[in-house]
PDB file of N, CA and C in Angstrom:
ATOM      1  N   MET A   1      23.326 110.244  39.380  1.00  0.00           N
ATOM      2  CA  MET A   1      22.297 109.966  39.432  1.00  0.00           C
ATOM      3  C   MET A   1      21.485 109.166  39.078  1.00  0.00           C
ATOM      4  N   PHE A   2      20.323 108.766  39.491  1.00  0.00           N
ATOM      5  CA  PHE A   2      20.055 107.304  39.199  1.00  0.00           C
ATOM      6  C   PHE A   2      18.356 108.143  38.844  1.00  0.00           C
ATOM      7  N   SER A   3      18.514 107.534  37.331  1.00  0.00           N
ATOM      8  CA  SER A   3      16.759 107.855  36.996  1.00  0.00           C
ATOM      9  C   SER A   3      16.008 106.698  36.184  1.00  0.00           C
ATOM     10  N   VAL A   4      15.275 106.125  36.634  1.00  0.00           N
ATOM     11  CA  VAL A   4      14.408 105.127  35.982  1.00  0.00           C
ATOM     12  C   VAL A   4      12.727 105.823  36.166  1.00  0.00           C
ATOM     13  N   ARG A   5      12.092 105.087  35.397  1.00  0.00           N
ATOM     14  CA  ARG A   5      10.674 105.075  34.909  1.00  0.00           C
ATOM     15  C   ARG A   5      10.075 103.578  35.571  1.00  0.00           C
ATOM     16  N   ILE A   6       9.061 103.743  36.498  1.00  0.00           N
ATOM     17  CA  ILE A   6       8.884 102.224  36.883  1.00  0.00           C
ATOM     18  C   ILE A   6       6.950 102.345  35.595  1.00  0.00           C
ATOM     19  N   GLN A   7       6.556 101.650  35.327  1.00  0.00           N
ATOM     20  CA  GLN A   7       5.555 101.280  34.972  1.00  0.00           C
ATOM     21  C   GLN A   7       4.561  99.641  35.411  1.00  0.00           C
ATOM     22  N   GLU A   8       3.510  99.855  36.304  1.00  0.00           N
ATOM     23  CA  GLU A   8       3.458  98.384  36.819  1.00  0.00           C
ATOM     24  C   GLU A   8       2.537  97.528  35.638  1.00  0.00           C
ATOM     25  N   VAL A   9       2.832  96.283  35.742  1.00  0.00           N
ATOM     26  CA  VAL A   9       3.057  95.787  33.985  1.00  0.00           C
ATOM     27  C   VAL A   9       2.763  94.326  35.364  1.00  0.00           C
ATOM     28  N   PRO A  10       1.757  93.733  34.680  1.00  0.00           N
ATOM     29  CA  PRO A  10       1.117  92.425  35.516  1.00  0.00           C
ATOM     30  C   PRO A  10       2.409  91.377  34.917  1.00  0.00           C
ATOM     31  N   LEU A  11       3.063  90.818  35.963  1.00  0.00           N
ATOM     32  CA  LEU A  11       4.268  89.563  35.091  1.00  0.00           C
ATOM     33  C   LEU A  11       3.398  88.169  34.701  1.00  0.00           C
ATOM     34  N   PRO A  12       3.689  87.889  33.159  1.00  0.00           N
ATOM     35  CA  PRO A  12       2.797  87.124  32.766  1.00  0.00           C
ATOM     36  C   PRO A  12       2.764  85.747  33.458  1.00  0.00           C
ATOM     37  N   THR A  13       1.806  85.458  33.680  1.00  0.00           N
ATOM     38  CA  THR A  13       1.588  83.960  33.992  1.00  0.00           C
ATOM     39  C   THR A  13       1.306  83.284  33.518  1.00  0.00           C
ATOM     40  N   THR A  14       1.110  83.137  32.690  1.00  0.00           N
ATOM     41  CA  THR A  14       1.036  81.658  31.605  1.00  0.00           C
ATOM     42  C   THR A  14       2.374  81.665  30.615  1.00  0.00           C
ATOM     43  N   GLU A  15       3.163  82.503  30.441  1.00  0.00           N
ATOM     44  CA  GLU A  15       4.233  82.497  29.507  1.00  0.00           C
ATOM     45  C   GLU A  15       5.599  82.851  30.588  1.00  0.00           C
ATOM     46  N   ARG A  16       6.390  81.740  30.338  1.00  0.00           N
ATOM     47  CA  ARG A  16       7.382  82.331  31.863  1.00  0.00           C
ATOM     48  C   ARG A  16       8.981  81.930  31.253  1.00  0.00           C
ATOM     49  N   ASP A  17       8.634  82.436  29.430  1.00  0.00           N
ATOM     50  CA  ASP A  17       9.658  82.186  28.520  1.00  0.00           C
ATOM     51  C   ASP A  17      10.990  82.967  28.734  1.00  0.00           C
ATOM     52  N   ILE A  18      12.307  83.124  28.810  1.00  0.00           N
ATOM     53  CA  ILE A  18      13.093  84.325  28.890  1.00  0.00           C
ATOM     54  C   ILE A  18      12.474  84.873  27.621  1.00  0.00           C
ATOM     55  N   ASP A  19      12.183  85.226  26.584  1.00  0.00           N
ATOM     56  CA  ASP A  19      11.627  86.403  25.983  1.00  0.00           C
ATOM     57  C   ASP A  19      10.508  87.362  26.458  1.00  0.00           C
ATOM     58  N   GLY A  20       9.587  86.468  26.713  1.00  0.00           N
ATOM     59  CA  GLY A  20       8.442  87.309  27.482  1.00  0.00           C
ATOM     60  C   GLY A  20       9.016  88.214  28.919  1.00  0.00           C
ATOM     61  N   LEU A  21       9.554  87.212  29.457  1.00  0.00           N
ATOM     62  CA  LEU A  21      10.204  87.906  30.576  1.00  0.00           C
ATOM     63  C   LEU A  21      11.116  89.184  30.693  1.00  0.00           C
ATOM     64  N   VAL A  22      11.743  88.704  29.482  1.00  0.00           N
ATOM     65  CA  VAL A  22      12.620  90.111  29.332  1.00  0.00           C
ATOM     66  C   VAL A  22      11.783  91.217  28.510  1.00  0.00           C
ATOM     67  N   ALA A  23      10.979  90.840  27.787  1.00  0.00           N
ATOM     68  CA  ALA A  23       9.778  91.750  27.229  1.00  0.00           C
ATOM     69  C   ALA A  23       8.777  92.250  28.425  1.00  0.00           C
ATOM     70  N   TRP A  24       8.632  91.850  29.441  1.00  0.00           N
ATOM     71  CA  TRP A  24       8.352  92.230  30.425  1.00  0.00           C
ATOM     72  C   TRP A  24       8.877  93.166  31.246  1.00  0.00           C
ATOM     73  N   PHE A  25      10.248  93.175  31.726  1.00  0.00           N
ATOM     74  CA  PHE A  25      11.231  93.872  31.843  1.00  0.00           C
ATOM     75  C   PHE A  25      11.153  95.264  31.379  1.00  0.00           C
ATOM     76  N   ILE A  26      11.837  94.899  30.659  1.00  0.00           N
ATOM     77  CA  ILE A  26      11.556  95.821  29.367  1.00  0.00           C
ATOM     78  C   ILE A  26      10.652  97.150  29.553  1.00  0.00           C
ATOM     79  N   GLU A  27       9.869  96.589  29.560  1.00  0.00           N
ATOM     80  CA  GLU A  27       8.331  97.461  29.250  1.00  0.00           C
ATOM     81  C   GLU A  27       8.082  97.993  31.161  1.00  0.00           C
ATOM     82  N   SER A  28       8.004  97.008  32.097  1.00  0.00           N
ATOM     83  CA  SER A  28       8.199  97.803  33.473  1.00  0.00           C
ATOM     84  C   SER A  28       8.932  98.778  33.656  1.00  0.00           C
ATOM     85  N   LEU A  29      10.324  98.834  32.875  1.00  0.00           N
ATOM     86  CA  LEU A  29      10.910 100.182  33.700  1.00  0.00           C
ATOM     87  C   LEU A  29      10.880 101.135  32.193  1.00  0.00           C
ATOM     88  N   CYS A  30       9.959 101.231  31.149  1.00  0.00           N
ATOM     89  CA  CYS A  30      10.089 102.120  30.309  1.00  0.00           C
ATOM     90  C   CYS A  30      11.028 101.938  29.537  1.00  0.00           C
ATOM     91  N   LEU A  31      12.024 101.038  29.554  1.00  0.00           N
ATOM     92  CA  LEU A  31      13.248 101.183  28.942  1.00  0.00           C
ATOM     93  C   LEU A  31      13.489 101.411  26.817  1.00  0.00           C
ATOM     94  N   VAL A  32      11.995 101.155  26.348  1.00  0.00           N
ATOM     95  CA  VAL A  32      12.197 101.522  24.959  1.00  0.00           C
ATOM     96  C   VAL A  32      10.741 101.807  25.156  1.00  0.00           C
ATOM     97  N   ARG A  33      10.270 102.773  24.326  1.00  0.00           N
ATOM     98  CA  ARG A  33       9.472 103.851  23.670  1.00  0.00           C
ATOM     99  C   ARG A  33       9.215 103.452  22.619  1.00  0.00           C
ATOM    100  N   LYS A  34       7.552 102.844  22.913  1.00  0.00           N
ATOM    101  CA  LYS A  34       6.585 102.458  21.822  1.00  0.00           C
ATOM    102  C   LYS A  34       5.923 103.315  21.017  1.00  0.00           C
ATOM    103  N   ARG A  35       6.271 103.115  19.853  1.00  0.00           N
ATOM    104  CA  ARG A  35       5.388 103.738  18.510  1.00  0.00           C
ATOM    105  C   ARG A  35       4.771 103.081  17.841  1.00  0.00           C
ATOM    106  N   GLY A  36       3.845 103.209  17.606  1.00  0.00           N
ATOM    107  CA  GLY A  36       2.440 102.405  15.967  1.00  0.00           C
ATOM    108  C   GLY A  36       1.668 101.226  17.296  1.00  0.00           C
ATOM    109  N   GLU A  37       1.382 100.764  16.348  1.00  0.00           N
ATOM    110  CA  GLU A  37       0.902  99.700  16.445  1.00  0.00           C
ATOM    111  C   GLU A  37       2.639  98.182  16.940  1.00  0.00           C
ATOM    112  N   ALA A  38       1.811  97.619  18.002  1.00  0.00           N
ATOM    113  CA  ALA A  38       2.703  96.119  18.430  1.00  0.00           C
ATOM    114  C   ALA A  38       3.441  95.414  16.840  1.00  0.00           C
ATOM    115  N   THR A  39       4.902  95.369  16.796  1.00  0.00           N
ATOM    116  CA  THR A  39       4.818  94.584  15.650  1.00  0.00           C
ATOM    117  C   THR A  39       5.067  92.960  15.954  1.00  0.00           C
ATOM    118  N   ALA A  40       5.142  92.739  14.652  1.00  0.00           N
ATOM    119  CA  ALA A  40       4.760  91.097  14.668  1.00  0.00           C
ATOM    120  C   ALA A  40       5.702  89.817  15.805  1.00  0.00           C
ATOM    121  N   ASP A  41       6.522  90.624  15.672  1.00  0.00           N
ATOM    122  CA  ASP A  41       8.094  89.812  16.710  1.00  0.00           C
ATOM    123  C   ASP A  41       7.973  90.609  18.524  1.00  0.00           C
ATOM    124  N   LEU A  42       6.863  91.190  18.779  1.00  0.00           N
ATOM    125  CA  LEU A  42       6.238  91.654  20.284  1.00  0.00           C
ATOM    126  C   LEU A  42       7.991  92.335  20.474  1.00  0.00           C
ATOM    127  N   GLY A  43       8.516  93.269  19.736  1.00  0.00           N
ATOM    128  CA  GLY A  43      10.102  94.081  19.806  1.00  0.00           C
ATOM    129  C   GLY A  43      10.797  93.144  20.427  1.00  0.00           C
ATOM    130  N   ARG A  44      11.110  91.624  19.945  1.00  0.00           N
ATOM    131  CA  ARG A  44      12.147  91.060  20.547  1.00  0.00           C
ATOM    132  C   ARG A  44      12.866  90.569  19.586  1.00  0.00           C
ATOM    133  N   ALA A  45      12.981  91.436  18.677  1.00  0.00           N
ATOM    134  CA  ALA A  45      14.011  91.588  17.727  1.00  0.00           C
ATOM    135  C   ALA A  45      15.070  92.912  17.579  1.00  0.00           C
ATOM    136  N   GLY A  46      14.458  94.089  18.504  1.00  0.00           N
ATOM    137  CA  GLY A  46      15.055  95.418  18.859  1.00  0.00           C
ATOM    138  C   GLY A  46      16.126  94.800  19.667  1.00  0.00           C
ATOM    139  N   PRO A  47      17.288  95.837  19.823  1.00  0.00           N
ATOM    140  CA  PRO A  47      18.304  96.056  20.197  1.00  0.00           C
ATOM    141  C   PRO A  47      18.628  95.754  21.472  1.00  0.00           C
ATOM    142  N   VAL A  48      17.716  96.432  22.245  1.00  0.00           N
ATOM    143  CA  VAL A  48      17.754  96.278  24.299  1.00  0.00           C
ATOM    144  C   VAL A  48      17.497  95.017  24.066  1.00  0.00           C
ATOM    145  N   HIS A  49      16.320  94.709  24.026  1.00  0.00           N
ATOM    146  CA  HIS A  49      15.934  92.826  24.281  1.00  0.00           C
ATOM    147  C   HIS A  49      16.810  92.209  23.738  1.00  0.00           C
ATOM    148  N   ARG A  50      17.805  92.102  22.598  1.00  0.00           N
ATOM    149  CA  ARG A  50      18.577  91.574  22.083  1.00  0.00           C
ATOM    150  C   ARG A  50      19.515  91.299  23.012  1.00  0.00           C
ATOM    151  N   LEU A  51      19.983  92.524  23.744  1.00  0.00           N
ATOM    152  CA  LEU A  51      21.406  93.087  24.325  1.00  0.00           C
ATOM    153  C   LEU A  51      20.822  92.138  25.493  1.00  0.00           C
ATOM    154  N   LEU A  52      19.667  92.673  26.154  1.00  0.00           N
ATOM    155  CA  LEU A  52      19.313  91.875  27.519  1.00  0.00           C
ATOM    156  C   LEU A  52      19.384  90.342  27.801  1.00  0.00           C
ATOM    157  N   ARG A  53      18.507  89.922  26.719  1.00  0.00           N
ATOM    158  CA  ARG A  53      18.080  88.585  26.744  1.00  0.00           C
ATOM    159  C   ARG A  53      19.769  87.396  26.218  1.00  0.00           C
ATOM    160  N   ASP A  54      20.273  87.917  24.891  1.00  0.00           N
ATOM    161  CA  ASP A  54      21.585  87.078  24.739  1.00  0.00           C
ATOM    162  C   ASP A  54      22.576  87.382  25.283  1.00  0.00           C
ATOM    163  N   PHE A  55      22.684  88.445  26.192  1.00  0.00           N
ATOM    164  CA  PHE A  55      24.564  88.786  26.574  1.00  0.00           C
ATOM    165  C   PHE A  55      24.364  89.077  27.487  1.00  0.00           C
ATOM    166  N   LEU A  56      23.536  90.010  27.806  1.00  0.00           N
ATOM    167  CA  LEU A  56      23.569  89.940  30.067  1.00  0.00           C
ATOM    168  C   LEU A  56      22.864  89.358  30.960  1.00  0.00           C
ATOM    169  N   PHE A  57      21.675  88.919  30.671  1.00  0.00           N
ATOM    170  CA  PHE A  57      20.784  88.368  31.584  1.00  0.00           C
ATOM    171  C   PHE A  57      21.563  86.365  31.203  1.00  0.00           C
ATOM    172  N   VAL A  58      21.301  86.363  30.130  1.00  0.00           N
ATOM    173  CA  VAL A  58      22.337  84.718  29.676  1.00  0.00           C
ATOM    174  C   VAL A  58      23.708  84.305  31.061  1.00  0.00           C
ATOM    175  N   GLN A  59      24.902  85.686  31.090  1.00  0.00           N
ATOM    176  CA  GLN A  59      26.008  85.580  31.995  1.00  0.00           C
ATOM    177  C   GLN A  59      25.801  86.809  32.488  1.00  0.00           C
ATOM    178  N   PRO A  60      25.071  87.698  33.831  1.00  0.00           N
ATOM    179  CA  PRO A  60      24.969  87.942  34.368  1.00  0.00           C
ATOM    180  C   PRO A  60      26.152  88.272  35.414  1.00  0.00           C
ATOM    181  N   THR A  61      27.080  87.015  34.983  1.00  0.00           N
ATOM    182  CA  THR A  61      28.675  87.794  35.635  1.00  0.00           C
ATOM    183  C   THR A  61      29.557  87.915  34.749  1.00  0.00           C
ATOM    184  N   SER A  62      29.616  88.130  33.686  1.00  0.00           N
ATOM    185  CA  SER A  62      30.238  88.100  32.511  1.00  0.00           C
ATOM    186  C   SER A  62      30.405  90.101  32.429  1.00  0.00           C
ATOM    187  N   SER A  63      31.334  90.177  31.690  1.00  0.00           N
ATOM    188  CA  SER A  63      31.398  91.852  31.054  1.00  0.00           C
ATOM    189  C   SER A  63      31.326  91.458  29.543  1.00  0.00           C
ATOM    190  N   TRP A  64      30.719  92.892  29.128  1.00  0.00           N
ATOM    191  CA  TRP A  64      30.812  92.896  27.270  1.00  0.00           C
ATOM    192  C   TRP A  64      31.254  93.947  26.934  1.00  0.00           C
ATOM    193  N   ASP A  65      32.443  94.128  25.328  1.00  0.00           N
ATOM    194  CA  ASP A  65      33.224  94.491  25.676  1.00  0.00           C
ATOM    195  C   ASP A  65      31.884  95.280  23.906  1.00  0.00           C
ATOM    196  N   ALA A  66      32.360  96.790  24.081  1.00  0.00           N
ATOM    197  CA  ALA A  66      31.547  97.326  23.969  1.00  0.00           C
ATOM    198  C   ALA A  66      31.581  97.291  21.850  1.00  0.00           C
ATOM    199  N   GLN A  67      32.654  96.843  21.137  1.00  0.00           N
ATOM    200  CA  GLN A  67      32.981  96.834  20.138  1.00  0.00           C
ATOM    201  C   GLN A  67      32.983  95.324  19.190  1.00  0.00           C
ATOM    202  N   MET A  68      33.131  94.489  20.586  1.00  0.00           N
ATOM    203  CA  MET A  68      32.005  93.061  19.938  1.00  0.00           C
ATOM    204  C   MET A  68      30.168  92.925  20.411  1.00  0.00           C
ATOM    205  N   LEU A  69      29.800  93.933  20.900  1.00  0.00           N
ATOM    206  CA  LEU A  69      28.559  93.811  21.685  1.00  0.00           C
ATOM    207  C   LEU A  69      27.581  94.576  19.574  1.00  0.00           C
ATOM    208  N   ALA A  70      28.289  95.577  19.719  1.00  0.00           N
ATOM    209  CA  ALA A  70      28.512  96.598  18.431  1.00  0.00           C
ATOM    210  C   ALA A  70      28.447  95.241  17.090  1.00  0.00           C
ATOM    211  N   ASP A  71      29.367  94.789  16.937  1.00  0.00           N
ATOM    212  CA  ASP A  71      29.416  93.777  15.644  1.00  0.00           C
ATOM    213  C   ASP A  71      28.367  92.455  15.239  1.00  0.00           C
ATOM    214  N   GLU A  72      28.383  92.198  16.875  1.00  0.00           N
ATOM    215  CA  GLU A  72      27.228  90.407  17.502  1.00  0.00           C
ATOM    216  C   GLU A  72      25.987  91.204  17.107  1.00  0.00           C
ATOM    217  N   LEU A  73      25.256  92.924  17.560  1.00  0.00           N
ATOM    218  CA  LEU A  73      23.905  93.006  17.247  1.00  0.00           C
ATOM    219  C   LEU A  73      24.062  93.401  16.006  1.00  0.00           C
ATOM    220  N   ALA A  74      25.310  94.278  15.082  1.00  0.00           N
ATOM    221  CA  ALA A  74      24.989  94.658  13.712  1.00  0.00           C
ATOM    222  C   ALA A  74      24.553  95.728  13.841  1.00  0.00           C
ATOM    223  N   LEU A  75      24.857  96.400  14.820  1.00  0.00           N
ATOM    224  CA  LEU A  75      24.497  97.904  15.363  1.00  0.00           C
ATOM    225  C   LEU A  75      26.152  98.712  15.193  1.00  0.00           C
ATOM    226  N   THR A  76      25.346  99.934  14.256  1.00  0.00           N
ATOM    227  CA  THR A  76      26.650 101.360  15.056  1.00  0.00           C
ATOM    228  C   THR A  76      27.106 101.564  15.991  1.00  0.00           C
ATOM    229  N   PRO A  77      28.361 102.189  16.194  1.00  0.00           N
ATOM    230  CA  PRO A  77      28.736 102.132  17.713  1.00  0.00           C
ATOM    231  C   PRO A  77      28.206 103.847  18.631  1.00  0.00           C
ATOM    232  N   ALA A  78      27.475 104.590  18.124  1.00  0.00           N
ATOM    233  CA  ALA A  78      26.780 105.416  18.162  1.00  0.00           C
ATOM    234  C   ALA A  78      25.100 104.601  18.552  1.00  0.00           C
ATOM    235  N   SER A  79      24.851 104.212  17.952  1.00  0.00           N
ATOM    236  CA  SER A  79      23.425 103.414  17.913  1.00  0.00           C
ATOM    237  C   SER A  79      23.566 102.441  19.026  1.00  0.00           C
ATOM    238  N   LEU A  80      24.455 101.236  18.853  1.00  0.00           N
ATOM    239  CA  LEU A  80      24.921 100.748  20.551  1.00  0.00           C
ATOM    240  C   LEU A  80      25.092 101.849  21.859  1.00  0.00           C
ATOM    241  N   ASN A  81      25.667 102.705  21.370  1.00  0.00           N
ATOM    242  CA  ASN A  81      26.304 103.576  23.187  1.00  0.00           C
ATOM    243  C   ASN A  81      24.854 103.968  23.640  1.00  0.00           C
ATOM    244  N   HIS A  82      24.031 104.939  22.398  1.00  0.00           N
ATOM    245  CA  HIS A  82      22.929 105.001  22.749  1.00  0.00           C
ATOM    246  C   HIS A  82      21.749 103.798  23.853  1.00  0.00           C
ATOM    247  N   HIS A  83      21.407 103.174  23.183  1.00  0.00           N
ATOM    248  CA  HIS A  83      21.053 102.020  24.450  1.00  0.00           C
ATOM    249  C   HIS A  83      21.770 101.681  25.324  1.00  0.00           C
ATOM    250  N   LEU A  84      23.488 102.012  25.328  1.00  0.00           N
ATOM    251  CA  LEU A  84      23.936 101.236  26.921  1.00  0.00           C
ATOM    252  C   LEU A  84      23.751 102.335  27.672  1.00  0.00           C
ATOM    253  N   SER A  85      23.953 103.681  27.064  1.00  0.00           N
ATOM    254  CA  SER A  85      23.522 104.998  27.866  1.00  0.00           C
ATOM    255  C   SER A  85      22.477 105.054  28.739  1.00  0.00           C
ATOM    256  N   ARG A  86      21.103 104.377  27.819  1.00  0.00           N
ATOM    257  CA  ARG A  86      20.162 104.469  28.608  1.00  0.00           C
ATOM    258  C   ARG A  86      19.861 103.982  29.848  1.00  0.00           C
ATOM    259  N   LEU A  87      20.719 102.125  29.874  1.00  0.00           N
ATOM    260  CA  LEU A  87      20.528 101.310  30.625  1.00  0.00           C
ATOM    261  C   LEU A  87      21.534 101.637  31.905  1.00  0.00           C
ATOM    262  N   VAL A  88      22.541 102.366  31.190  1.00  0.00           N
ATOM    263  CA  VAL A  88      23.631 102.737  31.967  1.00  0.00           C
ATOM    264  C   VAL A  88      23.149 103.579  33.410  1.00  0.00           C
ATOM    265  N   GLU A  89      21.750 105.002  32.255  1.00  0.00           N
ATOM    266  CA  GLU A  89      21.695 105.693  33.449  1.00  0.00           C
ATOM    267  C   GLU A  89      20.220 105.009  34.723  1.00  0.00           C
ATOM    268  N   SER A  90      19.712 104.283  34.040  1.00  0.00           N
ATOM    269  CA  SER A  90      18.449 103.523  34.506  1.00  0.00           C
ATOM    270  C   SER A  90      19.290 103.019  36.226  1.00  0.00           C
ATOM    271  N   GLY A  91      20.868 102.543  36.039  1.00  0.00           N
ATOM    272  CA  GLY A  91      21.243 101.424  36.632  1.00  0.00           C
ATOM    273  C   GLY A  91      21.246 100.515  36.936  1.00  0.00           C
ATOM    274  N   LEU A  92      21.047  99.929  35.815  1.00  0.00           N
ATOM    275  CA  LEU A  92      20.867  98.307  35.613  1.00  0.00           C
ATOM    276  C   LEU A  92      21.983  97.942  35.157  1.00  0.00           C
ATOM    277  N   VAL A  93      22.972  98.618  34.185  1.00  0.00           N
ATOM    278  CA  VAL A  93      23.880  98.067  33.636  1.00  0.00           C
ATOM    279  C   VAL A  93      25.762  99.025  34.120  1.00  0.00           C
ATOM    280  N   GLY A  94      26.473  98.866  34.729  1.00  0.00           N
ATOM    281  CA  GLY A  94      27.895  99.518  34.889  1.00  0.00           C
ATOM    282  C   GLY A  94      28.340  99.270  33.511  1.00  0.00           C
ATOM    283  N   TYR A  95      29.936  99.198  33.756  1.00  0.00           N
ATOM    284  CA  TYR A  95      31.233  99.973  33.072  1.00  0.00           C
ATOM    285  C   TYR A  95      32.249 100.205  33.342  1.00  0.00           C
ATOM    286  N   THR A  96      33.666  99.327  32.967  1.00  0.00           N
ATOM    287  CA  THR A  96      34.308  99.903  32.715  1.00  0.00           C
ATOM    288  C   THR A  96      35.199 100.373  31.774  1.00  0.00           C
ATOM    289  N   ASN A  97      36.067 101.798  32.043  1.00  0.00           N
ATOM    290  CA  ASN A  97      36.690 101.687  30.872  1.00  0.00           C
ATOM    291  C   ASN A  97      38.055 100.833  30.533  1.00  0.00           C
ATOM    292  N   GLU A  98      38.106  99.698  29.037  1.00  0.00           N
ATOM    293  CA  GLU A  98      39.070  99.579  28.652  1.00  0.00           C
ATOM    294  C   GLU A  98      40.137  99.948  28.075  1.00  0.00           C
ATOM    295  N   GLY A  99      40.557 101.595  27.356  1.00  0.00           N
ATOM    296  CA  GLY A  99      41.368 101.842  26.775  1.00  0.00           C
ATOM    297  C   GLY A  99      41.400 102.189  25.214  1.00  0.00           C
ATOM    298  N   LYS A 100      41.546 102.340  24.873  1.00  0.00           N
ATOM    299  CA  LYS A 100      41.068 103.089  23.087  1.00  0.00           C
ATOM    300  C   LYS A 100      39.709 103.221  23.341  1.00  0.00           C
ATOM    301  N   GLY A 101      38.521 103.862  23.498  1.00  0.00           N
ATOM    302  CA  GLY A 101      37.933 104.564  23.796  1.00  0.00           C
ATOM    303  C   GLY A 101      36.521 103.202  24.043  1.00  0.00           C
ATOM    304  N   TRP A 102      36.803 102.009  24.601  1.00  0.00           N
ATOM    305  CA  TRP A 102      35.821 100.851  24.393  1.00  0.00           C
ATOM    306  C   TRP A 102      35.913 101.135  26.140  1.00  0.00           C
ATOM    307  N   ARG A 103      34.360 100.745  26.320  1.00  0.00           N
ATOM    308  CA  ARG A 103      34.234 100.485  27.696  1.00  0.00           C
ATOM    309  C   ARG A 103      33.738  99.214  27.917  1.00  0.00           C
ATOM    310  N   ARG A 104      33.773  98.428  28.677  1.00  0.00           N
ATOM    311  CA  ARG A 104      33.279  96.740  29.260  1.00  0.00           C
ATOM    312  C   ARG A 104      31.873  97.185  30.076  1.00  0.00           C
ATOM    313  N   TYR A 105      31.435  96.494  29.406  1.00  0.00           N
ATOM    314  CA  TYR A 105      29.376  96.586  29.859  1.00  0.00           C
ATOM    315  C   TYR A 105      29.287  94.769  30.918  1.00  0.00           C
ATOM    316  N   TYR A 106      28.428  95.366  31.793  1.00  0.00           N
ATOM    317  CA  TYR A 106      28.281  94.459  33.287  1.00  0.00           C
ATOM    318  C   TYR A 106      27.193  94.175  33.432  1.00  0.00           C
ATOM    319  N   LEU A 107      26.026  93.594  33.882  1.00  0.00           N
ATOM    320  CA  LEU A 107      24.874  93.959  34.091  1.00  0.00           C
ATOM    321  C   LEU A 107      25.148  93.938  35.735  1.00  0.00           C
ATOM    322  N   ARG A 108      24.362  94.901  36.416  1.00  0.00           N
ATOM    323  CA  ARG A 108      24.492  95.200  38.119  1.00  0.00           C
ATOM    324  C   ARG A 108      23.781  94.814  38.795  1.00  0.00           C
ATOM    325  N   GLY A 109      24.204  93.557  39.649  1.00  0.00           N
ATOM    326  CA  GLY A 109      23.124  93.299  40.367  1.00  0.00           C
ATOM    327  C   GLY A 109      22.864  91.653  40.317  1.00  0.00           C
ATOM    328  N   GLY A 110      21.505  90.907  40.384  1.00  0.00           N
ATOM    329  CA  GLY A 110      21.048  89.728  39.929  1.00  0.00           C
ATOM    330  C   GLY A 110      20.742  88.857  38.427  1.00  0.00           C
ATOM    331  N   SER A 111      20.136  88.434  39.001  1.00  0.00           N
ATOM    332  CA  SER A 111      19.348  87.766  37.183  1.00  0.00           C
ATOM    333  C   SER A 111      18.575  87.727  37.513  1.00  0.00           C
ATOM    334  N   LEU A 112      17.960  87.212  36.007  1.00  0.00           N
ATOM    335  CA  LEU A 112      16.003  86.589  35.782  1.00  0.00           C
ATOM    336  C   LEU A 112      16.231  84.877  36.528  1.00  0.00           C
ATOM    337  N   GLU A 113      17.212  84.653  36.376  1.00  0.00           N
ATOM    338  CA  GLU A 113      17.150  83.147  37.202  1.00  0.00           C
ATOM    339  C   GLU A 113      16.925  83.664  38.312  1.00  0.00           C
ATOM    340  N   GLN A 114      17.450  84.919  39.346  1.00  0.00           N
ATOM    341  CA  GLN A 114      17.118  83.941  40.564  1.00  0.00           C
ATOM    342  C   GLN A 114      16.233  85.144  41.179  1.00  0.00           C
ATOM    343  N   ARG A 115      14.749  84.897  40.239  1.00  0.00           N
ATOM    344  CA  ARG A 115      13.685  85.407  40.840  1.00  0.00           C
ATOM    345  C   ARG A 115      12.846  84.833  41.676  1.00  0.00           C
ATOM    346  N   HIS A 116      12.958  84.128  41.898  1.00  0.00           N
ATOM    347  CA  HIS A 116      11.726  83.730  43.055  1.00  0.00           C
ATOM    348  C   HIS A 116      12.447  84.398  44.248  1.00  0.00           C
TER     349      HIS A 116
END
């Protein structure tokens, strides 16, 4: 089952840096629920933002070991599983079983570099 919410958010016209585009992407697909006032980092230090920016969007043809992602993002396996499960549910991310209980995650489809 494919489940995703889409919110119409204008694409930033003045800032086209990777952080701005990732933030726009996350907000458009409602991948992170906002709580309270905006933070000083605009959510750029959040796990979903860092996962997309630092791994999945940078190398869209690579796959990432869940244990390595948990270590790199300083997340517990349960926390990482929560975020990755939401991305898998949205259809943005896929995975393969690697054995020993770990999965390899990959970006399904294109990349931000191919946005034109």
